């Protein structure tokens, strides 16, 4: 699990999978972190044999609608990436990806 909130907490099982949805036998269960609202592939092998359709794609969301008290409180501050004290603009990452793709394309044309 990649989320620091989820490392020491209970996170919800989910069958969330954009490709397959609720179809049995298509995908293993995923873990949903309510704090960062992201889905993770579990590292532990004990989850690898649990079918994602068992929980379904809507389980964590329905749980928090029925029991809103279980939803974690929003953090007052979130991590802000910085280089030498300066905030990194979100566009900087996109520009780096585009530059990398352009560099790889130009390099493959030379070969």
N, C-alpha and C. Protein backbone atom coordinates (compact mmCIF):
# COMPACT_ATOMS: atom_id res chain seq x y z
N UNK A 1 0.86 -1.17 0.00
CA UNK A 1 0.00 0.00 0.00
C UNK A 1 0.90 1.23 0.00
N UNK A 2 0.63 2.15 -0.90
CA UNK A 2 1.51 3.29 -1.07
C UNK A 2 1.18 4.50 -0.23
N UNK A 3 0.01 4.56 0.42
CA UNK A 3 -0.42 5.74 1.15
C UNK A 3 0.08 5.69 2.58
N UNK A 4 0.62 6.80 3.09
CA UNK A 4 1.13 6.83 4.46
C UNK A 4 -0.01 6.70 5.46
N UNK A 5 -1.19 7.18 5.13
CA UNK A 5 -2.35 7.03 6.01
C UNK A 5 -2.72 5.56 6.14
N UNK A 6 -2.65 4.86 5.04
CA UNK A 6 -3.10 3.47 5.02
C UNK A 6 -2.10 2.52 5.66
N UNK A 7 -0.87 2.93 5.88
CA UNK A 7 0.13 2.01 6.42
C UNK A 7 -0.24 1.49 7.80
N UNK A 8 -0.81 2.35 8.64
CA UNK A 8 -1.14 1.90 9.98
C UNK A 8 -2.63 1.83 10.23
N UNK A 9 -3.44 2.00 9.25
CA UNK A 9 -4.88 2.06 9.43
C UNK A 9 -5.58 0.96 8.65
N UNK A 10 -6.86 0.81 8.96
CA UNK A 10 -7.69 -0.11 8.18
C UNK A 10 -8.15 0.61 6.93
N UNK A 11 -7.93 0.01 5.80
CA UNK A 11 -8.45 0.57 4.56
C UNK A 11 -9.43 -0.44 4.00
N UNK A 12 -10.31 0.03 3.15
CA UNK A 12 -11.42 -0.79 2.69
C UNK A 12 -11.06 -1.62 1.47
N UNK A 13 -11.57 -2.84 1.44
CA UNK A 13 -11.41 -3.68 0.26
C UNK A 13 -12.38 -3.21 -0.80
N UNK A 14 -11.97 -3.34 -2.03
CA UNK A 14 -12.80 -2.90 -3.12
C UNK A 14 -12.51 -3.74 -4.35
N UNK A 15 -13.52 -3.91 -5.19
CA UNK A 15 -13.33 -4.60 -6.45
C UNK A 15 -13.10 -3.60 -7.57
N UNK A 16 -12.71 -2.39 -7.22
CA UNK A 16 -12.57 -1.33 -8.21
C UNK A 16 -11.57 -1.73 -9.28
N UNK A 17 -12.04 -1.71 -10.51
CA UNK A 17 -11.18 -2.03 -11.63
C UNK A 17 -11.85 -1.42 -12.86
N UNK A 18 -11.23 -0.44 -13.45
CA UNK A 18 -11.84 0.29 -14.56
C UNK A 18 -12.12 -0.61 -15.76
N UNK A 19 -11.31 -1.65 -15.94
CA UNK A 19 -11.49 -2.51 -17.11
C UNK A 19 -12.65 -3.49 -16.93
N UNK A 20 -12.75 -4.12 -15.75
CA UNK A 20 -13.66 -5.24 -15.60
C UNK A 20 -14.88 -4.96 -14.72
N UNK A 21 -14.78 -4.03 -13.79
CA UNK A 21 -15.91 -3.72 -12.94
C UNK A 21 -16.26 -4.85 -12.00
N UNK A 22 -17.50 -5.30 -12.04
CA UNK A 22 -18.02 -6.28 -11.08
C UNK A 22 -18.09 -7.70 -11.63
N UNK A 23 -17.40 -8.01 -12.70
CA UNK A 23 -17.47 -9.35 -13.29
C UNK A 23 -16.65 -10.34 -12.47
N UNK A 24 -17.27 -11.46 -12.04
CA UNK A 24 -16.54 -12.45 -11.25
C UNK A 24 -15.41 -13.09 -12.05
N UNK A 25 -14.32 -13.37 -11.35
CA UNK A 25 -13.20 -14.07 -11.95
C UNK A 25 -12.31 -13.22 -12.84
N UNK A 26 -12.53 -11.93 -12.92
CA UNK A 26 -11.76 -11.08 -13.82
C UNK A 26 -10.56 -10.42 -13.16
N UNK A 27 -10.67 -10.09 -11.87
CA UNK A 27 -9.60 -9.33 -11.22
C UNK A 27 -9.60 -9.58 -9.72
N UNK A 28 -8.41 -9.50 -9.13
CA UNK A 28 -8.32 -9.66 -7.68
C UNK A 28 -8.78 -8.37 -6.99
N UNK A 29 -9.02 -8.47 -5.70
CA UNK A 29 -9.49 -7.34 -4.91
C UNK A 29 -8.41 -6.25 -4.85
N UNK A 30 -8.83 -5.01 -4.81
CA UNK A 30 -7.93 -3.86 -4.64
C UNK A 30 -8.24 -3.23 -3.29
N UNK A 31 -7.35 -2.40 -2.78
CA UNK A 31 -7.57 -1.71 -1.52
C UNK A 31 -7.79 -0.23 -1.79
N UNK A 32 -8.81 0.34 -1.15
CA UNK A 32 -9.17 1.74 -1.34
C UNK A 32 -8.80 2.51 -0.08
N UNK A 33 -8.05 3.60 -0.24
CA UNK A 33 -7.70 4.47 0.88
C UNK A 33 -8.64 5.67 0.85
N UNK A 34 -9.44 5.84 1.90
CA UNK A 34 -10.38 6.96 1.92
C UNK A 34 -9.70 8.31 2.14
N UNK A 35 -8.50 8.30 2.67
CA UNK A 35 -7.81 9.56 2.94
C UNK A 35 -7.31 10.19 1.64
N UNK A 36 -6.61 9.41 0.82
CA UNK A 36 -6.08 9.95 -0.43
C UNK A 36 -7.01 9.65 -1.61
N UNK A 37 -8.07 8.88 -1.36
CA UNK A 37 -9.06 8.51 -2.37
C UNK A 37 -8.42 7.87 -3.59
N UNK A 38 -7.54 6.90 -3.31
CA UNK A 38 -6.87 6.19 -4.38
C UNK A 38 -7.00 4.69 -4.14
N UNK A 39 -6.79 3.92 -5.17
CA UNK A 39 -6.90 2.46 -5.13
C UNK A 39 -5.50 1.88 -5.28
N UNK A 40 -5.21 0.87 -4.46
CA UNK A 40 -3.89 0.25 -4.46
C UNK A 40 -4.00 -1.25 -4.69
N UNK A 41 -3.01 -1.81 -5.34
CA UNK A 41 -2.91 -3.26 -5.47
C UNK A 41 -2.19 -3.74 -4.23
N UNK A 42 -2.80 -4.65 -3.46
CA UNK A 42 -2.18 -5.09 -2.21
C UNK A 42 -0.89 -5.88 -2.46
N UNK A 43 0.11 -5.64 -1.60
CA UNK A 43 1.38 -6.35 -1.73
C UNK A 43 1.30 -7.75 -1.14
N UNK A 44 0.48 -7.92 -0.12
CA UNK A 44 0.37 -9.21 0.56
C UNK A 44 -0.28 -10.25 -0.34
N UNK A 45 0.27 -11.45 -0.35
CA UNK A 45 -0.25 -12.52 -1.21
C UNK A 45 -1.60 -13.05 -0.73
N UNK A 46 -1.98 -12.74 0.50
CA UNK A 46 -3.26 -13.24 1.00
C UNK A 46 -4.45 -12.62 0.26
N UNK A 47 -4.25 -11.48 -0.39
CA UNK A 47 -5.32 -10.83 -1.14
C UNK A 47 -5.39 -11.32 -2.59
N UNK A 48 -4.38 -12.00 -3.07
CA UNK A 48 -4.30 -12.36 -4.48
C UNK A 48 -5.36 -13.37 -4.91
N UNK A 49 -5.94 -14.08 -3.96
CA UNK A 49 -6.93 -15.10 -4.31
C UNK A 49 -8.35 -14.66 -3.98
N UNK A 50 -8.52 -13.39 -3.60
CA UNK A 50 -9.85 -12.86 -3.32
C UNK A 50 -10.36 -12.17 -4.58
N UNK A 51 -11.51 -12.58 -5.05
CA UNK A 51 -12.09 -12.02 -6.26
C UNK A 51 -12.60 -10.60 -5.99
N UNK A 52 -12.27 -9.67 -6.87
CA UNK A 52 -12.70 -8.29 -6.72
C UNK A 52 -14.20 -8.12 -6.80
N UNK A 53 -14.88 -9.03 -7.49
CA UNK A 53 -16.34 -8.94 -7.62
C UNK A 53 -17.04 -9.27 -6.31
N UNK A 54 -16.33 -9.91 -5.38
CA UNK A 54 -16.91 -10.24 -4.08
C UNK A 54 -17.34 -8.97 -3.35
N UNK A 55 -16.51 -7.93 -3.41
CA UNK A 55 -16.82 -6.67 -2.75
C UNK A 55 -17.54 -5.72 -3.70
N UNK A 56 -17.23 -5.78 -4.96
CA UNK A 56 -17.85 -4.89 -5.94
C UNK A 56 -17.17 -3.53 -5.97
N UNK A 57 -17.45 -2.79 -7.00
CA UNK A 57 -16.79 -1.50 -7.19
C UNK A 57 -17.36 -0.41 -6.30
N UNK A 58 -18.53 -0.61 -5.73
CA UNK A 58 -19.16 0.46 -4.95
C UNK A 58 -19.08 0.25 -3.45
N UNK A 59 -18.47 -0.82 -2.98
CA UNK A 59 -18.46 -1.13 -1.54
C UNK A 59 -17.91 0.00 -0.67
N UNK A 60 -16.70 0.51 -0.92
CA UNK A 60 -16.19 1.54 0.00
C UNK A 60 -17.03 2.81 -0.01
N UNK A 61 -17.56 3.17 -1.15
CA UNK A 61 -18.34 4.40 -1.26
C UNK A 61 -19.68 4.25 -0.55
N UNK A 62 -20.30 3.08 -0.68
CA UNK A 62 -21.56 2.83 0.01
C UNK A 62 -21.34 2.79 1.52
N UNK A 63 -20.23 2.19 1.96
CA UNK A 63 -19.91 2.14 3.38
C UNK A 63 -19.83 3.54 3.97
N UNK A 64 -19.17 4.46 3.28
CA UNK A 64 -19.02 5.82 3.81
C UNK A 64 -20.30 6.64 3.68
N UNK A 65 -21.20 6.24 2.79
CA UNK A 65 -22.49 6.93 2.73
C UNK A 65 -23.38 6.49 3.90
N UNK A 66 -23.29 5.21 4.27
CA UNK A 66 -24.08 4.69 5.37
C UNK A 66 -23.47 5.09 6.72
N UNK A 67 -22.14 5.09 6.80
CA UNK A 67 -21.43 5.42 8.04
C UNK A 67 -20.44 6.56 7.79
N UNK A 68 -20.90 7.79 7.66
CA UNK A 68 -19.99 8.91 7.38
C UNK A 68 -18.98 9.15 8.49
N UNK A 69 -19.25 8.66 9.70
CA UNK A 69 -18.31 8.84 10.81
C UNK A 69 -17.02 8.06 10.61
N UNK A 70 -17.02 7.07 9.73
CA UNK A 70 -15.81 6.29 9.44
C UNK A 70 -14.88 6.99 8.45
N UNK A 71 -15.40 7.96 7.74
CA UNK A 71 -14.58 8.68 6.76
C UNK A 71 -13.54 9.50 7.51
N UNK A 72 -12.27 9.42 7.11
CA UNK A 72 -11.24 10.18 7.82
C UNK A 72 -11.42 11.68 7.62
N UNK A 73 -11.02 12.42 8.62
CA UNK A 73 -11.10 13.88 8.55
C UNK A 73 -10.07 14.39 7.55
N UNK A 74 -10.41 15.43 6.78
CA UNK A 74 -9.42 15.99 5.84
C UNK A 74 -8.25 16.59 6.62
N UNK A 75 -7.07 16.39 6.11
CA UNK A 75 -5.89 16.91 6.80
C UNK A 75 -5.79 18.43 6.58
N UNK A 76 -5.37 19.16 7.59
CA UNK A 76 -5.28 20.61 7.45
C UNK A 76 -4.19 21.04 6.47
N UNK A 77 -3.19 20.22 6.34
CA UNK A 77 -2.13 20.55 5.39
C UNK A 77 -1.75 19.30 4.61
N UNK A 78 -1.42 19.49 3.37
CA UNK A 78 -0.99 18.37 2.56
C UNK A 78 0.45 18.61 2.10
N UNK A 79 1.08 17.57 1.66
CA UNK A 79 2.47 17.67 1.22
C UNK A 79 2.55 18.52 -0.04
N UNK A 80 3.48 19.45 -0.05
CA UNK A 80 3.72 20.31 -1.20
C UNK A 80 5.14 20.04 -1.68
N UNK A 81 5.30 19.47 -2.89
CA UNK A 81 6.65 19.19 -3.37
C UNK A 81 7.43 20.49 -3.59
N UNK A 82 8.70 20.47 -3.18
CA UNK A 82 9.54 21.66 -3.31
C UNK A 82 10.95 21.27 -3.75
N UNK A 83 11.59 22.17 -4.47
CA UNK A 83 13.00 22.05 -4.82
C UNK A 83 13.69 23.31 -4.32
N UNK A 84 14.63 23.13 -3.43
CA UNK A 84 15.37 24.26 -2.86
C UNK A 84 14.42 25.30 -2.29
N UNK A 85 13.33 24.85 -1.69
CA UNK A 85 12.38 25.74 -1.05
C UNK A 85 11.30 26.30 -1.97
N UNK A 86 11.41 26.10 -3.26
CA UNK A 86 10.41 26.62 -4.20
C UNK A 86 9.39 25.54 -4.52
N UNK A 87 8.11 25.92 -4.53
CA UNK A 87 7.05 24.99 -4.88
C UNK A 87 7.19 24.59 -6.35
N UNK A 88 6.93 23.32 -6.64
CA UNK A 88 6.99 22.82 -8.01
C UNK A 88 5.59 22.92 -8.60
N UNK A 89 5.47 23.63 -9.68
CA UNK A 89 4.18 23.80 -10.34
C UNK A 89 3.78 22.48 -11.00
N UNK A 90 2.49 22.16 -11.00
CA UNK A 90 2.00 20.91 -11.58
C UNK A 90 2.34 20.79 -13.06
N UNK A 91 2.40 21.91 -13.76
CA UNK A 91 2.72 21.91 -15.18
C UNK A 91 4.16 21.44 -15.43
N UNK A 92 5.03 21.60 -14.44
CA UNK A 92 6.43 21.19 -14.59
C UNK A 92 6.54 19.69 -14.85
N UNK A 93 5.72 18.90 -14.17
CA UNK A 93 5.74 17.46 -14.37
C UNK A 93 5.29 17.10 -15.78
N UNK A 94 4.25 17.76 -16.25
CA UNK A 94 3.74 17.50 -17.59
C UNK A 94 4.79 17.86 -18.64
N UNK A 95 5.47 18.97 -18.45
CA UNK A 95 6.52 19.38 -19.39
C UNK A 95 7.66 18.37 -19.42
N UNK A 96 8.01 17.82 -18.26
CA UNK A 96 9.08 16.82 -18.20
C UNK A 96 8.68 15.54 -18.92
N UNK A 97 7.43 15.14 -18.78
CA UNK A 97 6.95 13.93 -19.46
C UNK A 97 6.99 14.14 -20.98
N UNK A 98 6.52 15.30 -21.43
CA UNK A 98 6.54 15.60 -22.85
C UNK A 98 7.96 15.64 -23.39
N UNK A 99 8.88 16.24 -22.64
CA UNK A 99 10.28 16.30 -23.07
C UNK A 99 10.89 14.91 -23.14
N UNK A 100 10.53 14.05 -22.18
CA UNK A 100 11.04 12.69 -22.17
C UNK A 100 10.53 11.91 -23.38
N UNK A 101 9.25 12.06 -23.70
CA UNK A 101 8.67 11.37 -24.86
C UNK A 101 9.35 11.86 -26.14
N UNK A 102 9.53 13.17 -26.25
CA UNK A 102 10.19 13.74 -27.43
C UNK A 102 11.62 13.22 -27.56
N UNK A 103 12.34 13.16 -26.43
CA UNK A 103 13.72 12.68 -26.43
C UNK A 103 13.78 11.20 -26.86
N UNK A 104 12.85 10.39 -26.35
CA UNK A 104 12.83 8.97 -26.70
C UNK A 104 12.49 8.76 -28.17
N UNK A 105 11.56 9.57 -28.68
CA UNK A 105 11.19 9.46 -30.10
C UNK A 105 12.36 9.85 -31.00
N UNK A 106 13.05 10.93 -30.67
CA UNK A 106 14.18 11.36 -31.49
C UNK A 106 15.32 10.35 -31.41
N UNK A 107 15.49 9.74 -30.27
CA UNK A 107 16.54 8.74 -30.11
C UNK A 107 16.23 7.47 -30.90
N UNK A 108 14.94 7.06 -30.92
CA UNK A 108 14.57 5.84 -31.66
C UNK A 108 14.68 6.04 -33.17
N UNK A 109 14.53 7.27 -33.64
CA UNK A 109 14.67 7.55 -35.07
C UNK A 109 16.13 7.42 -35.52
N UNK A 110 17.05 7.71 -34.61
CA UNK A 110 18.48 7.61 -34.94
C UNK A 110 18.94 6.16 -35.03
N UNK A 111 18.26 5.27 -34.34
CA UNK A 111 18.70 3.86 -34.30
C UNK A 111 18.21 3.10 -35.47
